[in-house]
Amino acid sequence: METGPETTCGGTRRRKHRQRLPRPSPSATVPVYTALKNSLPRSQQLGVSSWVEDTIENGVTVDWAAPPTLCFSAEYPLTLADQAFMTVEIQ
């Protein structure tokens, strides 16, 4: 059993402060919000600020995240021959 890479002093390198997080299957996609929400307990252990904790728990509203209003422009003028061609092509 391998305990870790050797150091220049001949000992093994141990990083007790690091934890290996479970990795989802590469074929399974996890939404960002779900992954972030699942990381909240670990973030709290690391001592994140109350603002970060609240943002992870409740999300944040961004005013400009709404879809834009629809904008319709005037039709591009076409000749009769071009109108016939476009009608056939669209259908």
PDB file of N, CA and C in Angstrom:
ATOM      1  N   MET A   1       0.843  -1.181   0.000  1.00  0.00           N
ATOM      2  CA  MET A   1       0.000   0.000   0.000  1.00  0.00           C
ATOM      3  C   MET A   1       0.884   1.239   0.000  1.00  0.00           C
ATOM      4  N   GLU A   2       0.605   2.160  -0.887  1.00  0.00           N
ATOM      5  CA  GLU A   2       1.388   3.376  -0.999  1.00  0.00           C
ATOM      6  C   GLU A   2       0.804   4.449  -0.083  1.00  0.00           C
ATOM      7  N   THR A   3       1.677   5.078   0.722  1.00  0.00           N
ATOM      8  CA  THR A   3       1.198   6.069   1.676  1.00  0.00           C
ATOM      9  C   THR A   3       1.294   7.484   1.142  1.00  0.00           C
ATOM     10  N   GLY A   4       2.018   7.695   0.081  1.00  0.00           N
ATOM     11  CA  GLY A   4       2.136   9.032  -0.488  1.00  0.00           C
ATOM     12  C   GLY A   4       3.510   9.219  -1.087  1.00  0.00           C
ATOM     13  N   PRO A   5       3.703  10.305  -1.800  1.00  0.00           N
ATOM     14  CA  PRO A   5       4.995  10.526  -2.430  1.00  0.00           C
ATOM     15  C   PRO A   5       6.060  10.839  -1.374  1.00  0.00           C
ATOM     16  N   GLU A   6       7.281  10.397  -1.651  1.00  0.00           N
ATOM     17  CA  GLU A   6       8.372  10.651  -0.723  1.00  0.00           C
ATOM     18  C   GLU A   6       8.846  12.086  -0.842  1.00  0.00           C
ATOM     19  N   THR A   7       9.320  12.623   0.275  1.00  0.00           N
ATOM     20  CA  THR A   7       9.893  13.957   0.260  1.00  0.00           C
ATOM     21  C   THR A   7      11.398  13.834   0.085  1.00  0.00           C
ATOM     22  N   THR A   8      12.077  14.954  -0.047  1.00  0.00           N
ATOM     23  CA  THR A   8      13.531  14.917  -0.205  1.00  0.00           C
ATOM     24  C   THR A   8      14.220  14.426   1.057  1.00  0.00           C
ATOM     25  N   CYS A   9      13.543  14.475   2.187  1.00  0.00           N
ATOM     26  CA  CYS A   9      14.124  14.013   3.451  1.00  0.00           C
ATOM     27  C   CYS A   9      13.920  12.522   3.660  1.00  0.00           C
ATOM     28  N   GLY A  10      13.217  11.855   2.756  1.00  0.00           N
ATOM     29  CA  GLY A  10      12.991  10.425   2.876  1.00  0.00           C
ATOM     30  C   GLY A  10      11.673  10.064   3.530  1.00  0.00           C
ATOM     31  N   GLY A  11      10.960  11.033   4.089  1.00  0.00           N
ATOM     32  CA  GLY A  11       9.668  10.757   4.717  1.00  0.00           C
ATOM     33  C   GLY A  11       8.547  10.797   3.690  1.00  0.00           C
ATOM     34  N   THR A  12       7.343  10.647   4.149  1.00  0.00           N
ATOM     35  CA  THR A  12       6.197  10.743   3.256  1.00  0.00           C
ATOM     36  C   THR A  12       5.476  12.047   3.515  1.00  0.00           C
ATOM     37  N   ARG A  13       4.869  12.552   2.495  1.00  0.00           N
ATOM     38  CA  ARG A  13       4.138  13.815   2.581  1.00  0.00           C
ATOM     39  C   ARG A  13       2.714  13.521   3.050  1.00  0.00           C
ATOM     40  N   ARG A  14       2.312  14.173   4.121  1.00  0.00           N
ATOM     41  CA  ARG A  14       0.956  13.986   4.629  1.00  0.00           C
ATOM     42  C   ARG A  14       0.283  15.344   4.697  1.00  0.00           C
ATOM     43  N   ARG A  15      -0.914  15.407   4.198  1.00  0.00           N
ATOM     44  CA  ARG A  15      -1.688  16.647   4.213  1.00  0.00           C
ATOM     45  C   ARG A  15      -3.008  16.374   4.911  1.00  0.00           C
ATOM     46  N   LYS A  16      -2.968  16.399   6.223  1.00  0.00           N
ATOM     47  CA  LYS A  16      -4.158  16.078   7.006  1.00  0.00           C
ATOM     48  C   LYS A  16      -5.243  17.132   6.849  1.00  0.00           C
ATOM     49  N   HIS A  17      -4.848  18.360   6.517  1.00  0.00           N
ATOM     50  CA  HIS A  17      -5.839  19.421   6.397  1.00  0.00           C
ATOM     51  C   HIS A  17      -6.642  19.328   5.106  1.00  0.00           C
ATOM     52  N   ARG A  18      -6.185  18.499   4.187  1.00  0.00           N
ATOM     53  CA  ARG A  18      -6.912  18.354   2.915  1.00  0.00           C
ATOM     54  C   ARG A  18      -7.801  17.124   2.969  1.00  0.00           C
ATOM     55  N   GLN A  19      -8.967  17.248   2.388  1.00  0.00           N
ATOM     56  CA  GLN A  19      -9.884  16.115   2.296  1.00  0.00           C
ATOM     57  C   GLN A  19     -10.219  15.896   0.833  1.00  0.00           C
ATOM     58  N   ARG A  20     -10.256  14.661   0.438  1.00  0.00           N
ATOM     59  CA  ARG A  20     -10.651  14.348  -0.929  1.00  0.00           C
ATOM     60  C   ARG A  20     -12.166  14.376  -1.000  1.00  0.00           C
ATOM     61  N   LEU A  21     -12.703  15.251  -1.850  1.00  0.00           N
ATOM     62  CA  LEU A  21     -14.148  15.367  -2.002  1.00  0.00           C
ATOM     63  C   LEU A  21     -14.635  14.315  -2.980  1.00  0.00           C
ATOM     64  N   PRO A  22     -15.809  13.753  -2.736  1.00  0.00           N
ATOM     65  CA  PRO A  22     -16.332  12.761  -3.681  1.00  0.00           C
ATOM     66  C   PRO A  22     -16.586  13.412  -5.034  1.00  0.00           C
ATOM     67  N   ARG A  23     -16.188  12.747  -6.073  1.00  0.00           N
ATOM     68  CA  ARG A  23     -16.370  13.260  -7.422  1.00  0.00           C
ATOM     69  C   ARG A  23     -17.532  12.538  -8.090  1.00  0.00           C
ATOM     70  N   PRO A  24     -18.451  13.286  -8.698  1.00  0.00           N
ATOM     71  CA  PRO A  24     -19.544  12.623  -9.412  1.00  0.00           C
ATOM     72  C   PRO A  24     -19.017  11.957 -10.677  1.00  0.00           C
ATOM     73  N   SER A  25     -19.805  11.109 -11.216  1.00  0.00           N
ATOM     74  CA  SER A  25     -19.444  10.460 -12.468  1.00  0.00           C
ATOM     75  C   SER A  25     -19.217  11.507 -13.546  1.00  0.00           C
ATOM     76  N   PRO A  26     -18.174  11.349 -14.366  1.00  0.00           N
ATOM     77  CA  PRO A  26     -17.939  12.339 -15.422  1.00  0.00           C
ATOM     78  C   PRO A  26     -19.090  12.446 -16.416  1.00  0.00           C
ATOM     79  N   SER A  27     -19.872  11.376 -16.533  1.00  0.00           N
ATOM     80  CA  SER A  27     -20.982  11.416 -17.477  1.00  0.00           C
ATOM     81  C   SER A  27     -22.218  12.088 -16.885  1.00  0.00           C
ATOM     82  N   ALA A  28     -22.241  12.251 -15.564  1.00  0.00           N
ATOM     83  CA  ALA A  28     -23.396  12.878 -14.919  1.00  0.00           C
ATOM     84  C   ALA A  28     -23.138  14.369 -14.757  1.00  0.00           C
ATOM     85  N   THR A  29     -24.061  15.166 -15.213  1.00  0.00           N
ATOM     86  CA  THR A  29     -23.914  16.607 -15.046  1.00  0.00           C
ATOM     87  C   THR A  29     -24.626  17.035 -13.775  1.00  0.00           C
ATOM     88  N   VAL A  30     -23.974  17.897 -13.017  1.00  0.00           N
ATOM     89  CA  VAL A  30     -24.537  18.402 -11.773  1.00  0.00           C
ATOM     90  C   VAL A  30     -24.704  19.905 -11.939  1.00  0.00           C
ATOM     91  N   PRO A  31     -25.913  20.418 -11.743  1.00  0.00           N
ATOM     92  CA  PRO A  31     -26.096  21.860 -11.843  1.00  0.00           C
ATOM     93  C   PRO A  31     -25.203  22.598 -10.841  1.00  0.00           C
ATOM     94  N   VAL A  32     -24.746  23.762 -11.225  1.00  0.00           N
ATOM     95  CA  VAL A  32     -23.838  24.541 -10.377  1.00  0.00           C
ATOM     96  C   VAL A  32     -24.467  24.810  -9.017  1.00  0.00           C
ATOM     97  N   TYR A  33     -25.750  25.176  -9.000  1.00  0.00           N
ATOM     98  CA  TYR A  33     -26.415  25.482  -7.735  1.00  0.00           C
ATOM     99  C   TYR A  33     -26.400  24.271  -6.804  1.00  0.00           C
ATOM    100  N   THR A  34     -26.642  23.086  -7.348  1.00  0.00           N
ATOM    101  CA  THR A  34     -26.654  21.867  -6.535  1.00  0.00           C
ATOM    102  C   THR A  34     -25.271  21.587  -5.967  1.00  0.00           C
ATOM    103  N   ALA A  35     -24.248  21.713  -6.800  1.00  0.00           N
ATOM    104  CA  ALA A  35     -22.887  21.471  -6.328  1.00  0.00           C
ATOM    105  C   ALA A  35     -22.504  22.475  -5.251  1.00  0.00           C
ATOM    106  N   LEU A  36     -22.878  23.734  -5.440  1.00  0.00           N
ATOM    107  CA  LEU A  36     -22.564  24.771  -4.465  1.00  0.00           C
ATOM    108  C   LEU A  36     -23.301  24.531  -3.155  1.00  0.00           C
ATOM    109  N   LYS A  37     -24.576  24.178  -3.255  1.00  0.00           N
ATOM    110  CA  LYS A  37     -25.392  23.915  -2.063  1.00  0.00           C
ATOM    111  C   LYS A  37     -24.821  22.719  -1.292  1.00  0.00           C
ATOM    112  N   ASN A  38     -24.355  21.695  -2.013  1.00  0.00           N
ATOM    113  CA  ASN A  38     -23.784  20.517  -1.364  1.00  0.00           C
ATOM    114  C   ASN A  38     -22.453  20.828  -0.681  1.00  0.00           C
ATOM    115  N   SER A  39     -21.775  21.875  -1.129  1.00  0.00           N
ATOM    116  CA  SER A  39     -20.488  22.228  -0.533  1.00  0.00           C
ATOM    117  C   SER A  39     -20.633  23.142   0.678  1.00  0.00           C
ATOM    118  N   LEU A  40     -21.845  23.525   1.038  1.00  0.00           N
ATOM    119  CA  LEU A  40     -22.067  24.464   2.139  1.00  0.00           C
ATOM    120  C   LEU A  40     -21.496  23.972   3.478  1.00  0.00           C
ATOM    121  N   PRO A  41     -21.721  22.713   3.892  1.00  0.00           N
ATOM    122  CA  PRO A  41     -21.148  22.285   5.180  1.00  0.00           C
ATOM    123  C   PRO A  41     -19.620  22.406   5.213  1.00  0.00           C
ATOM    124  N   ARG A  42     -18.974  22.051   4.127  1.00  0.00           N
ATOM    125  CA  ARG A  42     -17.510  22.156   4.074  1.00  0.00           C
ATOM    126  C   ARG A  42     -17.091  23.623   4.095  1.00  0.00           C
ATOM    127  N   SER A  43     -17.831  24.483   3.421  1.00  0.00           N
ATOM    128  CA  SER A  43     -17.516  25.906   3.419  1.00  0.00           C
ATOM    129  C   SER A  43     -17.642  26.481   4.824  1.00  0.00           C
ATOM    130  N   GLN A  44     -18.652  26.029   5.560  1.00  0.00           N
ATOM    131  CA  GLN A  44     -18.836  26.495   6.941  1.00  0.00           C
ATOM    132  C   GLN A  44     -17.678  26.043   7.827  1.00  0.00           C
ATOM    133  N   GLN A  45     -17.171  24.827   7.582  1.00  0.00           N
ATOM    134  CA  GLN A  45     -16.018  24.350   8.343  1.00  0.00           C
ATOM    135  C   GLN A  45     -14.794  25.224   8.073  1.00  0.00           C
ATOM    136  N   LEU A  46     -14.667  25.694   6.854  1.00  0.00           N
ATOM    137  CA  LEU A  46     -13.531  26.534   6.490  1.00  0.00           C
ATOM    138  C   LEU A  46     -13.668  27.955   7.017  1.00  0.00           C
ATOM    139  N   GLY A  47     -14.866  28.325   7.481  1.00  0.00           N
ATOM    140  CA  GLY A  47     -15.078  29.629   8.084  1.00  0.00           C
ATOM    141  C   GLY A  47     -15.378  30.738   7.095  1.00  0.00           C
ATOM    142  N   VAL A  48     -16.265  30.472   6.133  1.00  0.00           N
ATOM    143  CA  VAL A  48     -16.624  31.519   5.171  1.00  0.00           C
ATOM    144  C   VAL A  48     -17.409  32.613   5.891  1.00  0.00           C
ATOM    145  N   SER A  49     -17.436  33.779   5.288  1.00  0.00           N
ATOM    146  CA  SER A  49     -18.156  34.893   5.903  1.00  0.00           C
ATOM    147  C   SER A  49     -19.660  34.629   5.877  1.00  0.00           C
ATOM    148  N   SER A  50     -20.379  35.360   6.709  1.00  0.00           N
ATOM    149  CA  SER A  50     -21.825  35.168   6.784  1.00  0.00           C
ATOM    150  C   SER A  50     -22.502  35.545   5.470  1.00  0.00           C
ATOM    151  N   TRP A  51     -21.942  36.517   4.729  1.00  0.00           N
ATOM    152  CA  TRP A  51     -22.518  36.902   3.440  1.00  0.00           C
ATOM    153  C   TRP A  51     -22.410  35.752   2.449  1.00  0.00           C
ATOM    154  N   VAL A  52     -21.242  35.093   2.392  1.00  0.00           N
ATOM    155  CA  VAL A  52     -21.057  33.962   1.480  1.00  0.00           C
ATOM    156  C   VAL A  52     -21.991  32.829   1.868  1.00  0.00           C
ATOM    157  N   GLU A  53     -22.089  32.549   3.143  1.00  0.00           N
ATOM    158  CA  GLU A  53     -22.971  31.483   3.631  1.00  0.00           C
ATOM    159  C   GLU A  53     -24.428  31.772   3.261  1.00  0.00           C
ATOM    160  N   ASP A  54     -24.862  33.006   3.488  1.00  0.00           N
ATOM    161  CA  ASP A  54     -26.229  33.393   3.160  1.00  0.00           C
ATOM    162  C   ASP A  54     -26.481  33.321   1.657  1.00  0.00           C
ATOM    163  N   THR A  55     -25.501  33.717   0.874  1.00  0.00           N
ATOM    164  CA  THR A  55     -25.655  33.673  -0.583  1.00  0.00           C
ATOM    165  C   THR A  55     -25.765  32.242  -1.080  1.00  0.00           C
ATOM    166  N   ILE A  56     -24.975  31.335  -0.522  1.00  0.00           N
ATOM    167  CA  ILE A  56     -25.060  29.931  -0.925  1.00  0.00           C
ATOM    168  C   ILE A  56     -26.413  29.346  -0.530  1.00  0.00           C
ATOM    169  N   GLU A  57     -26.880  29.670   0.676  1.00  0.00           N
ATOM    170  CA  GLU A  57     -28.157  29.122   1.152  1.00  0.00           C
ATOM    171  C   GLU A  57     -29.350  29.680   0.393  1.00  0.00           C
ATOM    172  N   ASN A  58     -29.360  30.996   0.142  1.00  0.00           N
ATOM    173  CA  ASN A  58     -30.558  31.642  -0.389  1.00  0.00           C
ATOM    174  C   ASN A  58     -30.432  32.165  -1.810  1.00  0.00           C
ATOM    175  N   GLY A  59     -29.252  32.133  -2.360  1.00  0.00           N
ATOM    176  CA  GLY A  59     -29.065  32.662  -3.703  1.00  0.00           C
ATOM    177  C   GLY A  59     -29.008  34.184  -3.686  1.00  0.00           C
ATOM    178  N   VAL A  60     -28.878  34.745  -4.853  1.00  0.00           N
ATOM    179  CA  VAL A  60     -28.814  36.196  -4.988  1.00  0.00           C
ATOM    180  C   VAL A  60     -29.616  36.582  -6.224  1.00  0.00           C
ATOM    181  N   THR A  61     -30.324  37.695  -6.138  1.00  0.00           N
ATOM    182  CA  THR A  61     -31.118  38.164  -7.269  1.00  0.00           C
ATOM    183  C   THR A  61     -30.307  39.175  -8.059  1.00  0.00           C
ATOM    184  N   VAL A  62     -30.220  38.948  -9.339  1.00  0.00           N
ATOM    185  CA  VAL A  62     -29.522  39.884 -10.215  1.00  0.00           C
ATOM    186  C   VAL A  62     -30.588  40.559 -11.073  1.00  0.00           C
ATOM    187  N   ASP A  63     -30.671  41.883 -10.974  1.00  0.00           N
ATOM    188  CA  ASP A  63     -31.739  42.620 -11.649  1.00  0.00           C
ATOM    189  C   ASP A  63     -31.735  42.416 -13.155  1.00  0.00           C
ATOM    190  N   TRP A  64     -30.563  42.331 -13.751  1.00  0.00           N
ATOM    191  CA  TRP A  64     -30.499  42.257 -15.203  1.00  0.00           C
ATOM    192  C   TRP A  64     -30.569  40.829 -15.724  1.00  0.00           C
ATOM    193  N   ALA A  65     -30.910  39.874 -14.897  1.00  0.00           N
ATOM    194  CA  ALA A  65     -30.980  38.486 -15.331  1.00  0.00           C
ATOM    195  C   ALA A  65     -32.290  38.158 -16.042  1.00  0.00           C
ATOM    196  N   ALA A  66     -33.233  39.090 -16.069  1.00  0.00           N
ATOM    197  CA  ALA A  66     -34.494  38.846 -16.764  1.00  0.00           C
ATOM    198  C   ALA A  66     -34.251  38.827 -18.273  1.00  0.00           C
ATOM    199  N   PRO A  67     -35.053  38.070 -19.005  1.00  0.00           N
ATOM    200  CA  PRO A  67     -34.867  38.050 -20.455  1.00  0.00           C
ATOM    201  C   PRO A  67     -35.148  39.427 -21.054  1.00  0.00           C
ATOM    202  N   PRO A  68     -34.489  39.772 -22.126  1.00  0.00           N
ATOM    203  CA  PRO A  68     -34.715  41.092 -22.724  1.00  0.00           C
ATOM    204  C   PRO A  68     -36.105  41.194 -23.338  1.00  0.00           C
ATOM    205  N   THR A  69     -36.575  42.396 -23.455  1.00  0.00           N
ATOM    206  CA  THR A  69     -37.869  42.588 -24.095  1.00  0.00           C
ATOM    207  C   THR A  69     -37.735  42.299 -25.586  1.00  0.00           C
ATOM    208  N   LEU A  70     -38.798  41.805 -26.164  1.00  0.00           N
ATOM    209  CA  LEU A  70     -38.772  41.474 -27.581  1.00  0.00           C
ATOM    210  C   LEU A  70     -38.712  42.743 -28.418  1.00  0.00           C
ATOM    211  N   CYS A  71     -37.954  42.673 -29.466  1.00  0.00           N
ATOM    212  CA  CYS A  71     -37.802  43.816 -30.357  1.00  0.00           C
ATOM    213  C   CYS A  71     -38.061  43.329 -31.780  1.00  0.00           C
ATOM    214  N   PHE A  72     -39.074  43.850 -32.377  1.00  0.00           N
ATOM    215  CA  PHE A  72     -39.403  43.473 -33.744  1.00  0.00           C
ATOM    216  C   PHE A  72     -38.981  44.597 -34.683  1.00  0.00           C
ATOM    217  N   SER A  73     -38.260  44.231 -35.690  1.00  0.00           N
ATOM    218  CA  SER A  73     -37.848  45.244 -36.660  1.00  0.00           C
ATOM    219  C   SER A  73     -38.744  45.161 -37.894  1.00  0.00           C
ATOM    220  N   ALA A  74     -38.712  46.201 -38.663  1.00  0.00           N
ATOM    221  CA  ALA A  74     -39.517  46.226 -39.887  1.00  0.00           C
ATOM    222  C   ALA A  74     -38.999  45.180 -40.869  1.00  0.00           C
ATOM    223  N   GLU A  75     -39.885  44.691 -41.712  1.00  0.00           N
ATOM    224  CA  GLU A  75     -39.484  43.695 -42.698  1.00  0.00           C
ATOM    225  C   GLU A  75     -38.503  44.290 -43.686  1.00  0.00           C
ATOM    226  N   TYR A  76     -37.601  43.456 -44.138  1.00  0.00           N
ATOM    227  CA  TYR A  76     -36.637  43.869 -45.144  1.00  0.00           C
ATOM    228  C   TYR A  76     -37.356  43.876 -46.493  1.00  0.00           C
ATOM    229  N   PRO A  77     -37.271  44.960 -47.239  1.00  0.00           N
ATOM    230  CA  PRO A  77     -38.009  45.017 -48.505  1.00  0.00           C
ATOM    231  C   PRO A  77     -37.432  44.031 -49.536  1.00  0.00           C
ATOM    232  N   LEU A  78     -38.327  43.271 -50.169  1.00  0.00           N
ATOM    233  CA  LEU A  78     -37.930  42.302 -51.191  1.00  0.00           C
ATOM    234  C   LEU A  78     -38.712  42.558 -52.475  1.00  0.00           C
ATOM    235  N   THR A  79     -38.092  42.208 -53.567  1.00  0.00           N
ATOM    236  CA  THR A  79     -38.800  42.274 -54.845  1.00  0.00           C
ATOM    237  C   THR A  79     -39.789  41.128 -54.901  1.00  0.00           C
ATOM    238  N   LEU A  80     -40.712  41.159 -55.860  1.00  0.00           N
ATOM    239  CA  LEU A  80     -41.709  40.085 -55.980  1.00  0.00           C
ATOM    240  C   LEU A  80     -41.043  38.738 -56.245  1.00  0.00           C
ATOM    241  N   ALA A  81     -40.010  38.724 -57.069  1.00  0.00           N
ATOM    242  CA  ALA A  81     -39.305  37.468 -57.363  1.00  0.00           C
ATOM    243  C   ALA A  81     -38.641  36.918 -56.104  1.00  0.00           C
ATOM    244  N   ASP A  82     -38.021  37.806 -55.319  1.00  0.00           N
ATOM    245  CA  ASP A  82     -37.372  37.371 -54.087  1.00  0.00           C
ATOM    246  C   ASP A  82     -38.399  36.902 -53.057  1.00  0.00           C
ATOM    247  N   GLN A  83     -39.567  37.573 -53.005  1.00  0.00           N
ATOM    248  CA  GLN A  83     -40.612  37.154 -52.070  1.00  0.00           C
ATOM    249  C   GLN A  83     -41.085  35.743 -52.398  1.00  0.00           C
ATOM    250  N   ALA A  84     -41.263  35.461 -53.679  1.00  0.00           N
ATOM    251  CA  ALA A  84     -41.690  34.106 -54.094  1.00  0.00           C
ATOM    252  C   ALA A  84     -40.628  33.071 -53.707  1.00  0.00           C
ATOM    253  N   PHE A  85     -39.361  33.405 -53.948  1.00  0.00           N
ATOM    254  CA  PHE A  85     -38.282  32.506 -53.623  1.00  0.00           C
ATOM    255  C   PHE A  85     -38.227  32.233 -52.115  1.00  0.00           C
ATOM    256  N   MET A  86     -38.315  33.289 -51.311  1.00  0.00           N
ATOM    257  CA  MET A  86     -38.251  33.133 -49.844  1.00  0.00           C
ATOM    258  C   MET A  86     -39.438  32.349 -49.311  1.00  0.00           C
ATOM    259  N   THR A  87     -40.615  32.543 -49.878  1.00  0.00           N
ATOM    260  CA  THR A  87     -41.804  31.802 -49.451  1.00  0.00           C
ATOM    261  C   THR A  87     -41.587  30.308 -49.661  1.00  0.00           C
ATOM    262  N   VAL A  88     -41.038  29.947 -50.820  1.00  0.00           N
ATOM    263  CA  VAL A  88     -40.764  28.535 -51.118  1.00  0.00           C
ATOM    264  C   VAL A  88     -39.684  27.994 -50.174  1.00  0.00           C
ATOM    265  N   GLU A  89     -38.647  28.763 -49.937  1.00  0.00           N
ATOM    266  CA  GLU A  89     -37.543  28.303 -49.113  1.00  0.00           C
ATOM    267  C   GLU A  89     -37.939  28.120 -47.649  1.00  0.00           C
ATOM    268  N   ILE A  90     -38.765  29.007 -47.145  1.00  0.00           N
ATOM    269  CA  ILE A  90     -39.172  28.935 -45.736  1.00  0.00           C
ATOM    270  C   ILE A  90     -40.060  27.738 -45.489  1.00  0.00           C
ATOM    271  N   GLN A  91     -40.886  27.382 -46.441  1.00  0.00           N
ATOM    272  CA  GLN A  91     -41.805  26.263 -46.231  1.00  0.00           C
ATOM    273  C   GLN A  91     -41.202  25.002 -46.663  1.00  0.00           C
TER     274      GLN A  91
END
